[in-house]
N, C-alpha and C. Protein backbone atom coordinates (compact mmCIF):
# COMPACT_ATOMS: atom_id res chain seq x y z
N UNK A 1 0.81 -1.20 0.00
CA UNK A 1 0.02 0.03 0.01
C UNK A 1 0.88 1.26 0.01
N UNK A 2 0.88 1.94 -1.08
CA UNK A 2 1.79 3.09 -1.24
C UNK A 2 1.41 4.18 -0.25
N UNK A 3 0.11 4.33 0.18
CA UNK A 3 -0.24 5.40 1.05
C UNK A 3 -0.32 5.09 2.53
N UNK A 4 0.20 3.95 2.91
CA UNK A 4 0.10 3.46 4.26
C UNK A 4 1.22 4.05 5.10
N UNK A 5 0.84 4.67 6.25
CA UNK A 5 1.73 5.30 7.17
C UNK A 5 1.58 4.72 8.58
N UNK A 6 2.70 4.38 9.18
CA UNK A 6 2.65 3.85 10.58
C UNK A 6 2.97 4.99 11.53
N UNK A 7 2.07 5.23 12.48
CA UNK A 7 2.22 6.24 13.49
C UNK A 7 2.52 5.64 14.84
N UNK A 8 3.66 5.87 15.36
CA UNK A 8 4.02 5.46 16.76
C UNK A 8 3.17 6.29 17.68
N UNK A 9 2.36 5.71 18.56
CA UNK A 9 1.44 6.38 19.46
C UNK A 9 2.01 6.22 20.89
N UNK A 10 2.41 7.38 21.48
CA UNK A 10 2.84 7.30 22.88
C UNK A 10 1.73 7.33 23.83
N UNK A 11 0.59 7.92 23.46
CA UNK A 11 -0.61 8.00 24.23
C UNK A 11 -1.77 8.48 23.43
N UNK A 12 -2.97 8.40 23.89
CA UNK A 12 -4.09 8.86 23.16
C UNK A 12 -4.16 10.29 22.85
N UNK A 13 -4.00 11.17 23.93
CA UNK A 13 -4.03 12.62 23.56
C UNK A 13 -2.98 13.08 22.56
N UNK A 14 -1.82 12.60 22.66
CA UNK A 14 -0.80 12.98 21.67
C UNK A 14 -0.99 12.47 20.25
N UNK A 15 -1.79 11.48 20.16
CA UNK A 15 -2.07 10.89 18.83
C UNK A 15 -3.13 11.70 18.04
N UNK A 16 -3.98 12.44 18.74
CA UNK A 16 -5.14 13.08 18.07
C UNK A 16 -4.76 14.01 16.94
N UNK A 17 -3.89 14.97 17.20
CA UNK A 17 -3.48 15.90 16.12
C UNK A 17 -2.77 15.27 14.96
N UNK A 18 -1.78 14.35 15.23
CA UNK A 18 -1.18 13.66 14.10
C UNK A 18 -2.25 12.87 13.27
N UNK A 19 -3.12 12.17 13.97
CA UNK A 19 -4.13 11.35 13.22
C UNK A 19 -5.01 12.30 12.42
N UNK A 20 -5.37 13.38 12.98
CA UNK A 20 -6.23 14.30 12.17
C UNK A 20 -5.57 14.72 10.94
N UNK A 21 -4.35 15.15 11.03
CA UNK A 21 -3.56 15.63 9.90
C UNK A 21 -3.31 14.46 8.86
N UNK A 22 -2.88 13.28 9.35
CA UNK A 22 -2.56 12.23 8.41
C UNK A 22 -3.77 11.65 7.70
N UNK A 23 -4.92 11.60 8.42
CA UNK A 23 -6.13 11.04 7.77
C UNK A 23 -6.66 12.11 6.85
N UNK A 24 -6.61 13.43 7.19
CA UNK A 24 -7.04 14.51 6.32
C UNK A 24 -6.23 14.51 5.00
N UNK A 25 -5.00 14.06 5.10
CA UNK A 25 -4.12 13.97 3.91
C UNK A 25 -4.45 12.71 3.09
N UNK A 26 -5.39 11.92 3.54
CA UNK A 26 -5.80 10.70 2.69
C UNK A 26 -4.92 9.50 2.91
N UNK A 27 -4.13 9.49 3.98
CA UNK A 27 -3.27 8.41 4.22
C UNK A 27 -3.99 7.25 4.99
N UNK A 28 -3.60 6.04 4.63
CA UNK A 28 -4.12 4.85 5.38
C UNK A 28 -3.20 4.72 6.62
N UNK A 29 -3.67 5.15 7.76
CA UNK A 29 -2.80 5.14 8.93
C UNK A 29 -3.02 3.93 9.81
N UNK A 30 -1.98 3.33 10.27
CA UNK A 30 -2.02 2.31 11.30
C UNK A 30 -1.21 2.78 12.49
N UNK A 31 -1.56 2.36 13.63
CA UNK A 31 -0.88 2.84 14.84
C UNK A 31 -0.09 1.68 15.49
N UNK A 32 0.93 2.14 16.26
CA UNK A 32 1.76 1.21 17.08
C UNK A 32 1.89 1.77 18.45
N UNK A 33 1.47 1.07 19.46
CA UNK A 33 1.69 1.48 20.85
C UNK A 33 2.86 0.61 21.33
N UNK A 34 4.03 1.20 21.38
CA UNK A 34 5.24 0.45 21.81
C UNK A 34 5.92 1.43 22.76
N UNK A 35 5.71 1.19 24.06
CA UNK A 35 6.16 2.16 25.03
C UNK A 35 6.59 1.50 26.34
N UNK A 36 7.70 0.75 26.27
CA UNK A 36 8.26 0.15 27.55
C UNK A 36 8.74 1.12 28.53
N UNK A 37 8.82 2.36 28.13
CA UNK A 37 9.28 3.44 29.04
C UNK A 37 8.28 3.81 30.09
N UNK A 38 6.99 3.47 29.92
CA UNK A 38 5.91 3.92 30.77
C UNK A 38 5.86 3.07 31.99
N UNK A 39 5.92 3.70 33.17
CA UNK A 39 5.88 3.04 34.45
C UNK A 39 4.95 3.92 35.41
N UNK A 40 4.35 3.24 36.30
CA UNK A 40 4.22 1.82 36.57
C UNK A 40 3.32 1.14 35.49
N UNK A 41 3.05 -0.17 35.71
CA UNK A 41 2.24 -0.89 34.70
C UNK A 41 0.85 -0.41 34.69
N UNK A 42 0.30 0.11 35.81
CA UNK A 42 -1.10 0.69 35.81
C UNK A 42 -1.12 1.84 34.89
N UNK A 43 -0.09 2.69 34.89
CA UNK A 43 0.02 3.84 33.94
C UNK A 43 0.04 3.44 32.50
N UNK A 44 0.88 2.36 32.27
CA UNK A 44 0.99 1.81 30.92
C UNK A 44 -0.39 1.38 30.44
N UNK A 45 -1.13 0.71 31.30
CA UNK A 45 -2.51 0.20 30.93
C UNK A 45 -3.45 1.36 30.65
N UNK A 46 -3.45 2.51 31.47
CA UNK A 46 -4.26 3.63 31.15
C UNK A 46 -3.93 4.25 29.86
N UNK A 47 -2.64 4.38 29.53
CA UNK A 47 -2.27 5.00 28.26
C UNK A 47 -2.53 4.08 27.11
N UNK A 48 -2.36 2.83 27.24
CA UNK A 48 -2.71 1.82 26.20
C UNK A 48 -4.19 1.97 25.89
N UNK A 49 -5.04 1.98 26.91
CA UNK A 49 -6.46 2.04 26.70
C UNK A 49 -6.85 3.34 26.07
N UNK A 50 -6.24 4.51 26.45
CA UNK A 50 -6.50 5.76 25.83
C UNK A 50 -6.09 5.74 24.37
N UNK A 51 -4.98 5.12 24.08
CA UNK A 51 -4.50 5.00 22.70
C UNK A 51 -5.49 4.19 21.87
N UNK A 52 -6.03 3.13 22.44
CA UNK A 52 -6.98 2.26 21.75
C UNK A 52 -8.25 3.02 21.53
N UNK A 53 -8.70 3.79 22.45
CA UNK A 53 -9.93 4.61 22.30
C UNK A 53 -9.78 5.60 21.20
N UNK A 54 -8.59 6.29 21.02
CA UNK A 54 -8.38 7.27 20.00
C UNK A 54 -8.35 6.49 18.70
N UNK A 55 -7.59 5.42 18.60
CA UNK A 55 -7.52 4.59 17.36
C UNK A 55 -8.91 4.22 16.86
N UNK A 56 -9.76 3.77 17.86
CA UNK A 56 -11.08 3.38 17.45
C UNK A 56 -11.95 4.55 16.93
N UNK A 57 -11.73 5.73 17.50
CA UNK A 57 -12.45 6.90 17.05
C UNK A 57 -12.11 7.20 15.58
N UNK A 58 -10.82 7.04 15.22
CA UNK A 58 -10.35 7.31 13.91
C UNK A 58 -10.52 6.10 12.98
N UNK A 59 -10.89 4.93 13.51
CA UNK A 59 -11.06 3.74 12.74
C UNK A 59 -9.81 3.17 12.17
N UNK A 60 -8.75 3.35 12.91
CA UNK A 60 -7.45 2.75 12.44
C UNK A 60 -7.07 1.52 13.25
N UNK A 61 -6.30 0.67 12.63
CA UNK A 61 -5.83 -0.57 13.32
C UNK A 61 -4.69 -0.12 14.22
N UNK A 62 -4.70 -0.74 15.47
CA UNK A 62 -3.65 -0.36 16.39
C UNK A 62 -2.95 -1.67 16.87
N UNK A 63 -1.66 -1.70 16.65
CA UNK A 63 -0.85 -2.77 17.11
C UNK A 63 -0.24 -2.39 18.47
N UNK A 64 -0.32 -3.32 19.42
CA UNK A 64 0.18 -3.08 20.72
C UNK A 64 1.31 -4.05 21.08
N UNK A 65 2.50 -3.54 21.26
CA UNK A 65 3.68 -4.33 21.63
C UNK A 65 3.53 -4.82 23.04
N UNK A 66 4.13 -5.96 23.35
CA UNK A 66 4.24 -6.47 24.69
C UNK A 66 4.92 -5.45 25.63
N UNK A 67 4.67 -5.56 26.86
CA UNK A 67 5.26 -4.56 27.80
C UNK A 67 6.44 -5.22 28.52
N UNK A 68 7.61 -4.68 28.33
CA UNK A 68 8.85 -5.18 28.97
C UNK A 68 9.64 -3.94 29.52
N UNK A 69 9.18 -3.48 30.65
CA UNK A 69 9.85 -2.21 31.13
C UNK A 69 11.23 -2.37 31.83
N UNK A 70 11.62 -3.50 32.24
CA UNK A 70 12.91 -3.64 32.99
C UNK A 70 14.10 -3.16 32.23
N UNK A 71 14.37 -3.61 30.96
CA UNK A 71 15.52 -3.02 30.27
C UNK A 71 15.56 -1.51 30.18
N UNK A 72 14.40 -0.90 29.99
CA UNK A 72 14.31 0.57 29.97
C UNK A 72 14.67 1.10 31.30
N UNK A 73 14.17 0.56 32.36
CA UNK A 73 14.44 1.01 33.77
C UNK A 73 15.95 0.93 34.05
N UNK A 74 16.53 -0.19 33.74
CA UNK A 74 17.97 -0.42 33.98
C UNK A 74 18.77 0.66 33.24
N UNK A 75 18.52 0.83 31.93
CA UNK A 75 19.24 1.83 31.12
C UNK A 75 19.02 3.24 31.65
N UNK A 76 17.80 3.59 32.02
CA UNK A 76 17.47 4.91 32.55
C UNK A 76 18.19 5.16 33.87
N UNK A 77 18.26 4.19 34.74
CA UNK A 77 18.89 4.35 36.03
C UNK A 77 20.38 4.44 35.95
N UNK A 78 20.97 3.85 34.83
CA UNK A 78 22.40 3.95 34.63
C UNK A 78 22.81 5.39 34.17
N UNK A 79 21.90 6.10 33.52
CA UNK A 79 22.19 7.43 33.03
C UNK A 79 20.92 8.30 33.17
N UNK A 80 20.54 8.67 34.34
CA UNK A 80 19.25 9.40 34.52
C UNK A 80 19.21 10.68 33.63
N UNK A 81 20.25 11.43 33.59
CA UNK A 81 20.28 12.72 32.83
C UNK A 81 20.15 12.45 31.28
N UNK A 82 20.68 11.35 30.85
CA UNK A 82 20.71 11.07 29.38
C UNK A 82 19.65 10.01 29.01
N UNK A 83 18.65 9.85 29.78
CA UNK A 83 17.74 8.75 29.57
C UNK A 83 16.78 8.92 28.39
N UNK A 84 16.47 10.07 27.94
CA UNK A 84 15.43 10.35 26.91
C UNK A 84 15.91 9.95 25.52
N UNK A 85 17.09 10.33 25.19
CA UNK A 85 17.52 9.96 23.79
C UNK A 85 17.46 8.40 23.52
N UNK A 86 18.01 7.55 24.37
CA UNK A 86 17.85 6.17 24.11
C UNK A 86 16.46 5.64 24.13
N UNK A 87 15.64 6.23 24.92
CA UNK A 87 14.18 5.88 24.97
C UNK A 87 13.52 6.20 23.63
N UNK A 88 13.77 7.42 23.11
CA UNK A 88 13.21 7.75 21.82
C UNK A 88 13.71 6.88 20.75
N UNK A 89 15.04 6.61 20.76
CA UNK A 89 15.70 5.82 19.73
C UNK A 89 15.08 4.40 19.66
N UNK A 90 14.88 3.81 20.84
CA UNK A 90 14.39 2.44 20.85
C UNK A 90 12.99 2.42 20.29
N UNK A 91 12.17 3.33 20.62
CA UNK A 91 10.72 3.35 20.19
C UNK A 91 10.68 3.67 18.72
N UNK A 92 11.47 4.57 18.24
CA UNK A 92 11.46 4.89 16.80
C UNK A 92 11.98 3.74 15.94
N UNK A 93 13.04 3.01 16.49
CA UNK A 93 13.56 1.87 15.78
C UNK A 93 12.52 0.73 15.68
N UNK A 94 11.78 0.54 16.78
CA UNK A 94 10.71 -0.49 16.78
C UNK A 94 9.64 -0.10 15.79
N UNK A 95 9.35 1.23 15.72
CA UNK A 95 8.31 1.68 14.81
C UNK A 95 8.81 1.54 13.37
N UNK A 96 9.97 1.87 13.04
CA UNK A 96 10.48 1.66 11.71
C UNK A 96 10.51 0.20 11.28
N UNK A 97 10.89 -0.65 12.18
CA UNK A 97 10.89 -2.10 11.89
C UNK A 97 9.43 -2.61 11.58
N UNK A 98 8.54 -2.18 12.40
CA UNK A 98 7.13 -2.57 12.23
C UNK A 98 6.55 -1.98 10.96
N UNK A 99 6.89 -0.77 10.65
CA UNK A 99 6.42 -0.18 9.36
C UNK A 99 6.96 -0.94 8.17
N UNK A 100 8.17 -1.33 8.21
CA UNK A 100 8.71 -2.18 7.15
C UNK A 100 8.01 -3.50 7.05
N UNK A 101 7.83 -4.18 8.20
CA UNK A 101 7.06 -5.38 8.22
C UNK A 101 5.68 -5.29 7.64
N UNK A 102 4.97 -4.16 7.86
CA UNK A 102 3.62 -4.00 7.46
C UNK A 102 3.51 -3.45 6.03
N UNK A 103 4.66 -3.15 5.43
CA UNK A 103 4.64 -2.58 4.05
C UNK A 103 4.25 -1.15 3.97
N UNK A 104 4.43 -0.47 5.05
CA UNK A 104 4.09 1.00 5.05
C UNK A 104 5.09 1.77 4.21
N UNK A 105 4.64 2.94 3.69
CA UNK A 105 5.55 3.76 2.92
C UNK A 105 6.43 4.61 3.71
N UNK A 106 6.07 4.86 5.02
CA UNK A 106 6.81 5.69 5.87
C UNK A 106 6.31 5.50 7.32
N UNK A 107 6.98 6.17 8.26
CA UNK A 107 6.55 6.13 9.68
C UNK A 107 6.78 7.47 10.31
N UNK A 108 6.06 7.73 11.40
CA UNK A 108 6.23 8.95 12.14
C UNK A 108 5.84 8.64 13.61
N UNK A 109 5.80 9.66 14.43
CA UNK A 109 5.52 9.49 15.84
C UNK A 109 4.69 10.61 16.38
N UNK A 110 3.86 10.23 17.38
CA UNK A 110 3.10 11.24 18.08
C UNK A 110 4.01 11.96 19.08
N UNK A 111 5.26 11.57 19.29
CA UNK A 111 6.20 12.35 20.11
C UNK A 111 6.38 13.75 19.44
N UNK A 112 6.12 13.91 18.17
CA UNK A 112 6.21 15.18 17.50
C UNK A 112 5.13 16.12 17.86
N UNK A 113 4.18 15.72 18.67
CA UNK A 113 3.06 16.60 19.06
C UNK A 113 3.52 17.31 20.37
N UNK A 114 4.27 16.79 21.19
CA UNK A 114 4.62 17.31 22.50
C UNK A 114 5.49 18.57 22.44
N UNK A 115 5.08 19.57 23.14
CA UNK A 115 5.91 20.76 23.34
C UNK A 115 7.09 20.57 24.28
N UNK A 116 7.08 19.42 24.90
CA UNK A 116 8.11 19.10 25.95
C UNK A 116 9.17 18.20 25.48
N UNK A 117 9.09 17.77 24.17
CA UNK A 117 10.12 16.83 23.64
C UNK A 117 11.11 17.62 22.78
N UNK A 118 12.24 17.06 22.58
CA UNK A 118 13.35 17.64 21.70
C UNK A 118 13.20 17.21 20.31
N UNK A 119 12.56 18.05 19.55
CA UNK A 119 12.21 17.74 18.09
C UNK A 119 13.47 17.46 17.29
N UNK A 120 14.45 18.26 17.50
CA UNK A 120 15.71 17.98 16.70
C UNK A 120 16.26 16.63 17.02
N UNK A 121 16.32 16.25 18.24
CA UNK A 121 16.83 14.86 18.52
C UNK A 121 15.90 13.77 18.04
N UNK A 122 14.60 13.98 18.20
CA UNK A 122 13.66 12.95 17.69
C UNK A 122 13.73 12.81 16.13
N UNK A 123 13.88 13.95 15.49
CA UNK A 123 13.97 13.94 14.04
C UNK A 123 15.30 13.23 13.63
N UNK A 124 16.35 13.51 14.29
CA UNK A 124 17.65 12.83 13.95
C UNK A 124 17.58 11.33 14.24
N UNK A 125 16.97 10.96 15.33
CA UNK A 125 16.79 9.54 15.64
C UNK A 125 15.85 8.83 14.75
N UNK A 126 14.76 9.54 14.33
CA UNK A 126 13.83 9.01 13.36
C UNK A 126 14.52 8.73 12.05
N UNK A 127 15.36 9.64 11.59
CA UNK A 127 16.07 9.50 10.36
C UNK A 127 17.12 8.31 10.48
N UNK A 128 17.77 8.19 11.57
CA UNK A 128 18.70 7.03 11.82
C UNK A 128 17.90 5.72 11.67
N UNK A 129 16.75 5.62 12.28
CA UNK A 129 15.96 4.42 12.25
C UNK A 129 15.49 4.22 10.79
N UNK A 130 15.09 5.29 10.10
CA UNK A 130 14.63 5.19 8.69
C UNK A 130 15.77 4.62 7.87
N UNK A 131 16.99 5.12 8.03
CA UNK A 131 18.14 4.64 7.27
C UNK A 131 18.41 3.18 7.56
N UNK A 132 18.32 2.68 8.78
CA UNK A 132 18.52 1.34 9.11
C UNK A 132 17.45 0.39 8.51
N UNK A 133 16.27 0.87 8.41
CA UNK A 133 15.11 -0.02 7.95
C UNK A 133 14.72 0.31 6.52
N UNK A 134 15.32 1.28 5.90
CA UNK A 134 15.08 1.48 4.49
C UNK A 134 13.72 2.11 4.07
N UNK A 135 13.21 3.00 4.95
CA UNK A 135 11.94 3.70 4.59
C UNK A 135 11.93 5.06 5.23
N UNK A 136 11.28 6.06 4.68
CA UNK A 136 11.28 7.42 5.26
C UNK A 136 10.70 7.66 6.62
N UNK A 137 11.31 8.54 7.37
CA UNK A 137 10.70 9.03 8.54
C UNK A 137 10.00 10.36 8.21
N UNK A 138 8.68 10.45 8.41
CA UNK A 138 7.94 11.55 7.99
C UNK A 138 7.80 12.58 9.21
N UNK A 139 8.70 13.56 9.16
CA UNK A 139 8.66 14.58 10.25
C UNK A 139 7.56 15.57 9.90
N UNK A 140 6.83 15.98 10.94
CA UNK A 140 5.83 17.05 10.89
C UNK A 140 5.84 17.66 12.34
N UNK A 141 5.67 18.97 12.32
CA UNK A 141 5.65 19.62 13.64
C UNK A 141 4.21 19.79 14.06
N UNK A 142 3.75 18.78 14.85
CA UNK A 142 2.34 18.81 15.31
C UNK A 142 2.12 19.66 16.57
N UNK A 143 3.17 20.34 17.02
CA UNK A 143 3.00 21.19 18.20
C UNK A 143 2.08 22.37 17.94
N UNK A 144 1.91 22.78 16.70
CA UNK A 144 1.08 23.90 16.33
C UNK A 144 -0.38 23.55 16.66
N UNK A 145 -0.65 22.24 16.74
CA UNK A 145 -2.01 21.81 17.02
C UNK A 145 -2.29 21.40 18.45
N UNK A 146 -1.37 21.86 19.36
CA UNK A 146 -1.44 21.51 20.74
C UNK A 146 -2.77 21.77 21.40
N UNK A 147 -3.32 22.96 21.30
CA UNK A 147 -4.59 23.24 21.88
C UNK A 147 -5.75 22.42 21.36
N UNK A 148 -5.71 22.15 20.04
CA UNK A 148 -6.76 21.26 19.40
C UNK A 148 -6.70 19.90 20.08
N UNK A 149 -5.52 19.33 20.15
CA UNK A 149 -5.39 17.98 20.72
C UNK A 149 -5.85 17.91 22.19
N UNK A 150 -5.49 18.94 22.96
CA UNK A 150 -5.90 18.99 24.34
C UNK A 150 -7.44 19.09 24.43
N UNK A 151 -7.99 19.98 23.67
CA UNK A 151 -9.53 20.19 23.72
C UNK A 151 -10.21 18.89 23.31
N UNK A 152 -9.78 18.26 22.20
CA UNK A 152 -10.45 17.01 21.86
C UNK A 152 -10.25 15.88 22.81
N UNK A 153 -9.11 15.78 23.41
CA UNK A 153 -8.94 14.70 24.42
C UNK A 153 -9.78 14.96 25.63
N UNK A 154 -10.01 16.19 25.98
CA UNK A 154 -10.95 16.44 27.12
C UNK A 154 -12.34 16.14 26.65
N UNK A 155 -12.72 16.58 25.51
CA UNK A 155 -14.15 16.35 25.00
C UNK A 155 -14.44 14.92 24.87
N UNK A 156 -13.41 14.12 24.43
CA UNK A 156 -13.63 12.69 24.27
C UNK A 156 -13.35 11.92 25.51
N UNK A 157 -12.97 12.58 26.61
CA UNK A 157 -12.68 11.99 27.88
C UNK A 157 -11.53 10.85 27.81
N UNK A 158 -10.51 11.34 27.10
CA UNK A 158 -9.30 10.45 27.00
C UNK A 158 -8.38 10.65 28.15
N UNK A 159 -7.86 9.64 28.75
CA UNK A 159 -6.93 9.83 29.92
C UNK A 159 -5.75 10.70 29.46
N UNK A 160 -5.52 11.71 30.28
CA UNK A 160 -4.29 12.61 30.00
C UNK A 160 -3.31 12.43 31.12
N UNK A 161 -2.20 11.96 30.82
CA UNK A 161 -1.14 11.61 31.74
C UNK A 161 -0.46 12.91 32.30
N UNK A 162 0.06 12.89 33.52
CA UNK A 162 0.69 14.07 34.11
C UNK A 162 2.21 14.03 33.97
N UNK A 163 2.82 13.06 33.32
CA UNK A 163 4.31 13.05 33.13
C UNK A 163 4.62 12.21 31.87
N UNK A 164 5.86 12.32 31.42
CA UNK A 164 6.18 11.79 30.14
C UNK A 164 6.03 10.28 30.18
N UNK A 165 6.53 9.52 31.12
CA UNK A 165 6.34 8.11 31.09
C UNK A 165 7.17 7.38 32.10
N UNK A 166 8.43 7.56 32.10
CA UNK A 166 9.25 6.77 33.06
C UNK A 166 9.07 7.32 34.46
N UNK A 167 9.49 6.50 35.37
CA UNK A 167 9.31 6.90 36.84
C UNK A 167 10.30 8.09 37.12
N UNK A 168 11.37 8.21 36.40
CA UNK A 168 12.24 9.42 36.68
C UNK A 168 11.58 10.67 36.17
N UNK A 169 10.76 10.58 35.12
CA UNK A 169 10.09 11.79 34.66
C UNK A 169 9.04 12.20 35.66
N UNK A 170 8.47 11.17 36.28
CA UNK A 170 7.42 11.45 37.37
C UNK A 170 8.15 12.13 38.54
N UNK A 171 9.35 11.63 38.92
CA UNK A 171 10.13 12.29 39.95
C UNK A 171 10.41 13.75 39.65
N UNK A 172 10.78 14.00 38.35
CA UNK A 172 11.08 15.39 37.93
C UNK A 172 9.85 16.24 38.14
N UNK A 173 8.68 15.72 37.87
CA UNK A 173 7.51 16.41 37.98
C UNK A 173 7.20 16.90 39.43
N UNK A 174 7.60 16.06 40.36
CA UNK A 174 7.44 16.36 41.79
C UNK A 174 8.59 16.94 42.52
N UNK A 175 9.63 17.24 41.75
CA UNK A 175 10.92 17.65 42.41
C UNK A 175 10.77 18.86 43.40
N UNK A 176 10.07 19.84 42.94
CA UNK A 176 9.91 21.02 43.84
C UNK A 176 9.05 20.67 45.08
N UNK A 177 8.00 19.90 44.91
CA UNK A 177 7.16 19.48 46.09
C UNK A 177 7.93 18.60 47.02
N UNK A 178 8.84 17.77 46.52
CA UNK A 178 9.57 16.81 47.35
C UNK A 178 10.57 17.62 48.19
N UNK A 179 10.96 18.76 47.79
CA UNK A 179 11.98 19.55 48.53
C UNK A 179 11.34 20.47 49.57
N UNK A 180 10.03 20.72 49.42
CA UNK A 180 9.30 21.58 50.40
C UNK A 180 8.88 20.81 51.62
N UNK A 181 8.86 21.53 52.72
CA UNK A 181 8.31 20.86 53.98
C UNK A 181 6.82 20.60 53.78
N UNK A 182 6.30 19.59 54.47
CA UNK A 182 4.88 19.24 54.35
C UNK A 182 4.01 20.39 54.76
N UNK A 183 2.86 20.48 54.12
CA UNK A 183 1.85 21.49 54.49
C UNK A 183 0.87 20.79 55.49
N UNK A 184 1.08 21.18 56.80
CA UNK A 184 0.24 20.54 57.85
C UNK A 184 -0.81 21.54 58.39
N UNK A 185 -0.91 22.68 57.69
CA UNK A 185 -1.88 23.73 58.15
C UNK A 185 -3.23 23.31 58.01
């Protein structure tokens, strides 16, 4: 299928804007939920279910990889400050491999929707995965549709996560509160 595109989906809310743009362009989109970085398992399940609900709304097929978080945890704990780049690389490589397996013309990622991700690094890693697997990485800056994605995720009652995914990103989220004395007033 010449028009088939694989979208790596990190979560339901982040997939909405890319899916709107890709389907409006007339592409046959399939999704891949491959996110071993998400911890704990209950969080992974909430995000998986949100991704499935968004995929169903768009009528796209969603492939869900098995959940194996331990290698990601070990790698992240070995280099907490440098944990994001290998995380993105692994997921983009898995997406490129799956896109090739499915006969897609290209692949992309909902990571490109987030205002909090390093687009230059994700683009470079996407291109490296594309080169390894012999198909294009389709970069698009979906951040311009941030408000639209948030509004639709709220309207559709899709679970919106409060942190990127790994337990270290959750700790980052609470860093200031963890340093403050308790409020006992």
